[in-house]
């Protein structure tokens, strides 16, 4: 035994070249699998940390708004981003190759119906989130007479016991439009006094455009003595000089309505968010929020309570620079859904209340040319300082005078700049150009761009100013716009095709201005492509009102997706179904790109998806 053990000790140990075959083969397999996994992960994303799935249309009805692949059969989502767009056959091949290599991969494929389509998440490039929720307390849009308005208010009181039992509680709402009534002119405070239930109550109701307020006699009593004149506004008075109860533009700030509570703001906000998602909106440009509302939204973002992307324009009603009152936030909050990098300024009123500032008097009211809410000098100083501090500037302009003044301001900063050091400068080394505004970096906007001279339409294009428009304004106003403006000025009004054709970047972001118009973006799509009212009529017949200014369906879809993204500096993240971009998309139950105009209005949202997750409906 001892002898045998000694002999074993004398045997040479195996050299590296003589490693057993079985061990070598095992190590080779391990290395091969490791390298193969690395190669697959480079070319075919693996769902190691993220949920993934695909949605397909067997009829190929996925409209990507991507020039390279405008229409595809399938899109794939990994986490919050789009990982693939293309054909069903190619997708199946990719998935087969991957499952052959990694058998545990799970990938669900959903199919939409043959009639349905998928489009990028829809954006509203100009809206008012909180005011929409506020207005929904007491909506008056459907009222076709003064009597109907009063009946609506009475119904509201009867269904709200707290209001019924407390005559001192304010009643607020909005949406009335005297142009739809048989009565001529504005309503009056005395109209409320004709009904015992309304008499003696503080009532304040916004006009549909939010540029006029109609108050009750009780409110006038609370207000007491009123100023003779209001800068940038007007108190409508009777022939004896007594206030009638109508306050226009800046004069509306005189009305002592109660401030919103946190509970009210939460209700207003949540109501609008839920409604917007149900209509396929995944992004909203909020056109003017006060510091108080911005702080509320900031808290909502931190708590993860913002279910879509909000691009908020800060606003303070002041002639003094107020940039320091607005926080600068990019993709802020738990989900990165809040961005604040722009401001909203206001030049004039609205056409329906004769407040839009015109170069010449109104055709149907020659004693006025509208209201300029700020002087050109004040506007210039504000715009220049916001530009210098790196804020995108978005300015409300309805009338041709307002648009002309703002184009003058933009032109001076773009062509002449400023002699002081600025934050918005070009990369050129030329000293003469260092102080000029870089139009691509700044991206200044005109909100509404509603009425312009033909010369200023061309100047908007030449300067590269973004015209942010609302197609439903054209179809809402078309019944009285030419009466207000006359046959010549109307040629430069609601000129969407002209503005788009002239745009250097070929962009025209579309919005609704809700609650002035409906939250439903498909109403805007319909108005943009048809130039018809919802009943299929127009002052020019069923061919559409000034139909040469209608957009094509592709242009309209781009306007409420990729163009809106460009107007908010997010075109590389949003606006098209492109691999690498955020997975925001909408499933509609019919093909709005092909169905007859009237059927666009019947379209229902099947699902709204934000960051790859279903926020409304189901896939």
Foldseek 3Di string as FASTA:
>chain_A
DVVVVVVVVPDDDDDPVPPDPVVVVVVVVVVVLVVVVVVLCVPPPAQPPWDKEKEFEPLQQEQFLDPVDRTAGMWMDTFFFTADTHYPVVVVVSVVVVCVSPVVGDYYYHYFDNFWHKFFQFEFLEAAQLLQLVQVLQEDQVDQAPVVSLVSVVVSLVVDVVCQVDQADEAEHENDFCVSYPDDDDAFQCSQVVDPSRPSHWYWYAYLQNFKIATHPNQCVVLDDDDLDDAQWDFDADPVRHGRRMIGHPRVVSRPDDDDDLVSSVSSNVVRQVVLQQQRHQEYENAEDELVVVVSVLVCQQVVNRRHAYEYAYDDPDLDADVVSDDADALDHPRRRYGYQAHEAEFWGAVSNQAAAEPAAWLQGRVDRHGTNDDLVSVLVRVLVSLQVRGQYEYEHAYAVRLVSVLVSLVCQQPQADPDQGPQADPDPDPRRRRHHDCQSRQHEYEAQFWHAPVSLLSCLVSQHAYAHELVVLQVCQVCVCNGHPDRRCVRGLQQQSNQVSHPVSAYAYHHHPPSPDSNCLLRLLSQAQQYDLVQAGPVGNNHDPNVSHDQSSRSLQNRWQRSCSSSVRNVATRGNDGPHGPWMWMKSRNPNDDPSNCSVVIGTQFTDGSNHTPDHDD
